[in-house]
N, C-alpha and C. Protein backbone atom coordinates (compact mmCIF):
# COMPACT_ATOMS: atom_id res chain seq x y z
N UNK A 1 -23.74 -0.10 9.37
CA UNK A 1 -23.86 -0.19 7.93
C UNK A 1 -24.49 -1.54 7.58
N UNK A 2 -25.57 -1.51 6.84
CA UNK A 2 -26.28 -2.73 6.48
C UNK A 2 -25.82 -3.25 5.11
N UNK A 3 -26.32 -4.42 4.77
CA UNK A 3 -26.04 -4.99 3.45
C UNK A 3 -26.43 -4.00 2.35
N UNK A 4 -27.62 -3.40 2.48
CA UNK A 4 -28.08 -2.46 1.45
C UNK A 4 -27.20 -1.22 1.39
N UNK A 5 -26.75 -0.75 2.55
CA UNK A 5 -25.83 0.39 2.58
C UNK A 5 -24.53 0.05 1.86
N UNK A 6 -24.03 -1.14 2.12
CA UNK A 6 -22.77 -1.58 1.50
C UNK A 6 -22.96 -1.71 -0.01
N UNK A 7 -24.06 -2.30 -0.44
CA UNK A 7 -24.31 -2.44 -1.88
C UNK A 7 -24.45 -1.07 -2.55
N UNK A 8 -25.10 -0.13 -1.89
CA UNK A 8 -25.24 1.21 -2.45
C UNK A 8 -23.88 1.89 -2.57
N UNK A 9 -23.05 1.74 -1.55
CA UNK A 9 -21.71 2.33 -1.56
C UNK A 9 -20.88 1.74 -2.70
N UNK A 10 -20.97 0.42 -2.87
CA UNK A 10 -20.19 -0.23 -3.92
C UNK A 10 -20.75 0.08 -5.31
N UNK A 11 -22.05 0.31 -5.40
CA UNK A 11 -22.65 0.68 -6.68
C UNK A 11 -22.06 2.00 -7.17
N UNK A 12 -21.77 2.90 -6.24
CA UNK A 12 -21.16 4.17 -6.66
C UNK A 12 -19.79 3.93 -7.26
N UNK A 13 -19.06 2.93 -6.73
CA UNK A 13 -17.76 2.58 -7.33
C UNK A 13 -17.95 2.00 -8.73
N UNK A 14 -18.95 1.16 -8.91
CA UNK A 14 -19.21 0.56 -10.22
C UNK A 14 -19.57 1.62 -11.26
N UNK A 15 -20.23 2.68 -10.80
CA UNK A 15 -20.68 3.73 -11.72
C UNK A 15 -19.66 4.84 -11.90
N UNK A 16 -18.56 4.78 -11.19
CA UNK A 16 -17.49 5.78 -11.30
C UNK A 16 -16.91 5.70 -12.71
N UNK A 17 -16.79 6.83 -13.41
CA UNK A 17 -16.23 6.80 -14.78
C UNK A 17 -14.85 6.16 -14.85
N UNK A 18 -14.04 6.30 -13.82
CA UNK A 18 -12.71 5.67 -13.82
C UNK A 18 -12.80 4.16 -13.84
N UNK A 19 -13.88 3.62 -13.26
CA UNK A 19 -14.08 2.17 -13.23
C UNK A 19 -14.33 1.61 -14.62
N UNK A 20 -14.92 2.45 -15.48
CA UNK A 20 -15.20 2.01 -16.84
C UNK A 20 -13.92 1.86 -17.65
N UNK A 21 -12.88 2.56 -17.23
CA UNK A 21 -11.61 2.56 -17.96
C UNK A 21 -10.62 1.54 -17.44
N UNK A 22 -10.73 1.19 -16.15
CA UNK A 22 -9.70 0.35 -15.55
C UNK A 22 -10.28 -0.59 -14.51
N UNK A 23 -10.12 -1.87 -14.75
CA UNK A 23 -10.54 -2.87 -13.77
C UNK A 23 -9.74 -2.77 -12.49
N UNK A 24 -8.47 -2.41 -12.61
CA UNK A 24 -7.62 -2.28 -11.41
C UNK A 24 -8.11 -1.12 -10.55
N UNK A 25 -8.49 -0.03 -11.19
CA UNK A 25 -9.03 1.13 -10.48
C UNK A 25 -10.28 0.72 -9.70
N UNK A 26 -11.17 0.03 -10.37
CA UNK A 26 -12.42 -0.42 -9.75
C UNK A 26 -12.12 -1.35 -8.57
N UNK A 27 -11.27 -2.32 -8.79
CA UNK A 27 -10.96 -3.27 -7.72
C UNK A 27 -10.34 -2.56 -6.51
N UNK A 28 -9.45 -1.63 -6.76
CA UNK A 28 -8.82 -0.88 -5.67
C UNK A 28 -9.87 -0.14 -4.84
N UNK A 29 -10.81 0.50 -5.51
CA UNK A 29 -11.84 1.25 -4.79
C UNK A 29 -12.78 0.32 -4.03
N UNK A 30 -13.19 -0.76 -4.65
CA UNK A 30 -14.08 -1.71 -3.99
C UNK A 30 -13.39 -2.32 -2.77
N UNK A 31 -12.14 -2.70 -2.91
CA UNK A 31 -11.42 -3.29 -1.77
C UNK A 31 -11.26 -2.28 -0.64
N UNK A 32 -11.02 -1.03 -0.97
CA UNK A 32 -10.90 0.00 0.07
C UNK A 32 -12.22 0.12 0.85
N UNK A 33 -13.32 0.15 0.12
CA UNK A 33 -14.64 0.23 0.77
C UNK A 33 -14.91 -1.03 1.60
N UNK A 34 -14.54 -2.18 1.09
CA UNK A 34 -14.79 -3.44 1.79
C UNK A 34 -13.98 -3.53 3.08
N UNK A 35 -12.74 -3.07 3.05
CA UNK A 35 -11.91 -3.09 4.26
C UNK A 35 -12.56 -2.24 5.36
N UNK A 36 -13.13 -1.14 4.96
CA UNK A 36 -13.82 -0.27 5.92
C UNK A 36 -15.10 -0.95 6.42
N UNK A 37 -15.85 -1.55 5.52
CA UNK A 37 -17.13 -2.17 5.87
C UNK A 37 -16.96 -3.39 6.77
N UNK A 38 -15.90 -4.16 6.56
CA UNK A 38 -15.73 -5.38 7.35
C UNK A 38 -15.55 -5.05 8.83
N UNK A 39 -14.97 -3.91 9.12
CA UNK A 39 -14.77 -3.51 10.51
C UNK A 39 -16.08 -3.08 11.16
N UNK A 40 -16.97 -2.47 10.39
CA UNK A 40 -18.21 -1.96 10.97
C UNK A 40 -19.38 -2.93 10.86
N UNK A 41 -19.41 -3.75 9.83
CA UNK A 41 -20.53 -4.69 9.65
C UNK A 41 -20.11 -5.88 8.80
N UNK A 42 -19.43 -6.81 9.44
CA UNK A 42 -18.96 -8.01 8.74
C UNK A 42 -20.13 -8.79 8.14
N UNK A 43 -21.21 -8.95 8.92
CA UNK A 43 -22.37 -9.70 8.44
C UNK A 43 -22.96 -9.04 7.20
N UNK A 44 -23.09 -7.72 7.22
CA UNK A 44 -23.61 -7.00 6.07
C UNK A 44 -22.73 -7.16 4.85
N UNK A 45 -21.41 -7.13 5.06
CA UNK A 45 -20.48 -7.32 3.94
C UNK A 45 -20.58 -8.73 3.39
N UNK A 46 -20.67 -9.73 4.26
CA UNK A 46 -20.82 -11.11 3.80
C UNK A 46 -22.10 -11.25 2.97
N UNK A 47 -23.19 -10.69 3.45
CA UNK A 47 -24.46 -10.77 2.72
C UNK A 47 -24.38 -10.06 1.37
N UNK A 48 -23.74 -8.90 1.35
CA UNK A 48 -23.60 -8.15 0.10
C UNK A 48 -22.75 -8.92 -0.90
N UNK A 49 -21.64 -9.48 -0.44
CA UNK A 49 -20.76 -10.23 -1.34
C UNK A 49 -21.42 -11.53 -1.78
N UNK A 50 -22.20 -12.13 -0.93
CA UNK A 50 -22.94 -13.33 -1.33
C UNK A 50 -23.91 -12.98 -2.46
N UNK A 51 -24.56 -11.83 -2.34
CA UNK A 51 -25.47 -11.40 -3.41
C UNK A 51 -24.71 -11.21 -4.72
N UNK A 52 -23.55 -10.58 -4.66
CA UNK A 52 -22.74 -10.40 -5.87
C UNK A 52 -22.27 -11.74 -6.43
N UNK A 53 -21.91 -12.67 -5.56
CA UNK A 53 -21.49 -14.00 -6.04
C UNK A 53 -22.63 -14.69 -6.77
N UNK A 54 -23.83 -14.52 -6.28
CA UNK A 54 -24.99 -15.18 -6.88
C UNK A 54 -25.38 -14.58 -8.23
N UNK A 55 -24.93 -13.36 -8.52
CA UNK A 55 -25.25 -12.73 -9.80
C UNK A 55 -24.65 -13.49 -10.98
N UNK A 56 -23.46 -14.05 -10.76
CA UNK A 56 -22.75 -14.76 -11.83
C UNK A 56 -22.53 -13.86 -13.04
N UNK A 57 -22.08 -12.64 -12.77
CA UNK A 57 -21.75 -11.72 -13.86
C UNK A 57 -20.57 -10.85 -13.44
N UNK A 58 -19.89 -10.37 -14.47
CA UNK A 58 -18.75 -9.47 -14.26
C UNK A 58 -19.24 -8.04 -14.24
N UNK A 59 -18.64 -7.20 -13.47
CA UNK A 59 -17.48 -7.45 -12.63
C UNK A 59 -17.83 -7.89 -11.21
N UNK A 60 -19.12 -7.86 -10.87
CA UNK A 60 -19.51 -8.06 -9.48
C UNK A 60 -19.04 -9.39 -8.88
N UNK A 61 -19.26 -10.48 -9.59
CA UNK A 61 -18.95 -11.79 -9.01
C UNK A 61 -17.48 -11.95 -8.69
N UNK A 62 -16.61 -11.58 -9.62
CA UNK A 62 -15.18 -11.76 -9.34
C UNK A 62 -14.67 -10.70 -8.37
N UNK A 63 -15.29 -9.54 -8.32
CA UNK A 63 -14.93 -8.57 -7.28
C UNK A 63 -15.31 -9.13 -5.91
N UNK A 64 -16.43 -9.80 -5.82
CA UNK A 64 -16.83 -10.42 -4.55
C UNK A 64 -15.81 -11.47 -4.11
N UNK A 65 -15.28 -12.21 -5.06
CA UNK A 65 -14.23 -13.19 -4.74
C UNK A 65 -13.01 -12.46 -4.19
N UNK A 66 -12.61 -11.38 -4.83
CA UNK A 66 -11.46 -10.60 -4.37
C UNK A 66 -11.69 -10.03 -2.97
N UNK A 67 -12.89 -9.51 -2.75
CA UNK A 67 -13.23 -8.96 -1.43
C UNK A 67 -13.18 -10.06 -0.38
N UNK A 68 -13.78 -11.20 -0.68
CA UNK A 68 -13.78 -12.30 0.28
C UNK A 68 -12.36 -12.71 0.65
N UNK A 69 -11.52 -12.81 -0.36
CA UNK A 69 -10.13 -13.21 -0.15
C UNK A 69 -9.37 -12.14 0.64
N UNK A 70 -9.50 -10.90 0.24
CA UNK A 70 -8.75 -9.80 0.84
C UNK A 70 -9.17 -9.53 2.29
N UNK A 71 -10.47 -9.67 2.58
CA UNK A 71 -10.97 -9.37 3.92
C UNK A 71 -11.21 -10.63 4.75
N UNK A 72 -10.78 -11.76 4.21
CA UNK A 72 -10.83 -13.05 4.91
C UNK A 72 -12.25 -13.42 5.35
N UNK A 73 -13.17 -13.34 4.42
CA UNK A 73 -14.56 -13.72 4.69
C UNK A 73 -14.73 -15.22 4.47
N UNK A 74 -14.25 -16.01 5.44
CA UNK A 74 -14.30 -17.47 5.34
C UNK A 74 -15.72 -17.99 5.13
N UNK A 75 -16.70 -17.22 5.57
CA UNK A 75 -18.10 -17.62 5.42
C UNK A 75 -18.49 -17.83 3.96
N UNK A 76 -17.73 -17.22 3.05
CA UNK A 76 -18.06 -17.30 1.63
C UNK A 76 -17.35 -18.43 0.89
N UNK A 77 -16.51 -19.19 1.58
CA UNK A 77 -15.80 -20.29 0.93
C UNK A 77 -16.75 -21.28 0.26
N UNK A 78 -17.84 -21.70 0.90
CA UNK A 78 -18.76 -22.63 0.21
C UNK A 78 -19.40 -22.02 -1.04
N UNK A 79 -19.71 -20.73 -0.99
CA UNK A 79 -20.30 -20.05 -2.15
C UNK A 79 -19.30 -20.01 -3.32
N UNK A 80 -18.06 -19.73 -3.00
CA UNK A 80 -17.02 -19.68 -4.03
C UNK A 80 -16.73 -21.09 -4.56
N UNK A 81 -16.82 -22.08 -3.69
CA UNK A 81 -16.67 -23.47 -4.12
C UNK A 81 -17.75 -23.85 -5.14
N UNK A 82 -18.99 -23.44 -4.88
CA UNK A 82 -20.08 -23.71 -5.83
C UNK A 82 -19.83 -23.01 -7.16
N UNK A 83 -19.37 -21.78 -7.08
CA UNK A 83 -19.03 -21.04 -8.30
C UNK A 83 -17.93 -21.77 -9.07
N UNK A 84 -16.92 -22.23 -8.36
CA UNK A 84 -15.83 -22.98 -8.99
C UNK A 84 -16.37 -24.21 -9.71
N UNK A 85 -17.26 -24.94 -9.06
CA UNK A 85 -17.84 -26.14 -9.69
C UNK A 85 -18.58 -25.79 -10.97
N UNK A 86 -19.28 -24.67 -10.97
CA UNK A 86 -20.00 -24.23 -12.17
C UNK A 86 -19.03 -23.82 -13.28
N UNK A 87 -17.94 -23.17 -12.90
CA UNK A 87 -16.94 -22.79 -13.90
C UNK A 87 -16.32 -24.04 -14.52
N UNK A 88 -15.94 -24.98 -13.68
CA UNK A 88 -15.32 -26.23 -14.17
C UNK A 88 -16.29 -26.99 -15.07
N UNK A 89 -17.57 -26.95 -14.74
CA UNK A 89 -18.59 -27.64 -15.54
C UNK A 89 -18.95 -26.89 -16.82
N UNK A 90 -18.37 -25.69 -16.99
CA UNK A 90 -18.64 -24.91 -18.20
C UNK A 90 -19.98 -24.20 -18.19
N UNK A 91 -20.57 -24.04 -17.00
CA UNK A 91 -21.88 -23.41 -16.91
C UNK A 91 -21.82 -21.88 -16.84
N UNK A 92 -20.69 -21.36 -16.38
CA UNK A 92 -20.57 -19.91 -16.20
C UNK A 92 -19.10 -19.51 -16.36
N UNK A 93 -18.84 -18.36 -16.92
CA UNK A 93 -17.51 -17.81 -17.11
C UNK A 93 -16.60 -18.73 -17.93
N UNK A 94 -15.45 -18.21 -18.24
CA UNK A 94 -14.44 -18.96 -19.00
C UNK A 94 -13.65 -19.86 -18.05
N UNK A 95 -13.10 -20.96 -18.56
CA UNK A 95 -12.37 -21.90 -17.71
C UNK A 95 -11.20 -21.30 -16.93
N UNK A 96 -10.56 -20.27 -17.48
CA UNK A 96 -9.40 -19.71 -16.79
C UNK A 96 -9.76 -19.07 -15.44
N UNK A 97 -11.03 -18.79 -15.18
CA UNK A 97 -11.44 -18.25 -13.89
C UNK A 97 -11.21 -19.28 -12.77
N UNK A 98 -11.16 -20.53 -13.11
CA UNK A 98 -11.03 -21.58 -12.09
C UNK A 98 -9.79 -21.42 -11.24
N UNK A 99 -8.67 -21.01 -11.82
CA UNK A 99 -7.44 -20.86 -11.04
C UNK A 99 -7.60 -19.83 -9.93
N UNK A 100 -8.16 -18.68 -10.24
CA UNK A 100 -8.36 -17.64 -9.23
C UNK A 100 -9.33 -18.12 -8.15
N UNK A 101 -10.34 -18.86 -8.55
CA UNK A 101 -11.32 -19.36 -7.59
C UNK A 101 -10.70 -20.42 -6.67
N UNK A 102 -9.89 -21.29 -7.23
CA UNK A 102 -9.21 -22.29 -6.39
C UNK A 102 -8.29 -21.62 -5.37
N UNK A 103 -7.57 -20.60 -5.82
CA UNK A 103 -6.68 -19.88 -4.93
C UNK A 103 -7.46 -19.21 -3.80
N UNK A 104 -8.58 -18.59 -4.14
CA UNK A 104 -9.41 -17.92 -3.13
C UNK A 104 -9.94 -18.91 -2.11
N UNK A 105 -10.46 -20.03 -2.57
CA UNK A 105 -11.00 -21.03 -1.65
C UNK A 105 -9.90 -21.55 -0.73
N UNK A 106 -8.74 -21.83 -1.28
CA UNK A 106 -7.62 -22.33 -0.48
C UNK A 106 -7.22 -21.32 0.60
N UNK A 107 -7.13 -20.05 0.22
CA UNK A 107 -6.77 -19.00 1.20
C UNK A 107 -7.83 -18.85 2.27
N UNK A 108 -9.09 -18.96 1.90
CA UNK A 108 -10.16 -18.81 2.87
C UNK A 108 -10.25 -19.99 3.82
N UNK A 109 -9.79 -21.14 3.39
CA UNK A 109 -9.87 -22.33 4.24
C UNK A 109 -8.63 -22.53 5.10
N UNK A 110 -7.59 -21.73 4.88
CA UNK A 110 -6.35 -21.85 5.69
C UNK A 110 -6.54 -21.27 7.07
């Protein structure tokens, strides 16, 4: 499974009508797909989540943070750190996102 395959699979979750109604539903489905993908193509999953992190938009960016944390993608800690710096600087997202980002970075660096 390549990065593009993973992104296509996750796009179907984003377009699922249930996802439009519930963020928890969407996150559950994305995490389920990510757990499967990390076993078959960790590099592809890292690349896909890095792409979502770089989008700097919801829901993709924060789902990528959840995926990184849940599947222990330590490779993404620097990317999440950069996102955290942008949040703290007021460049992207609301300030309350910083707590979740700090927690994710700490877990990835343990």
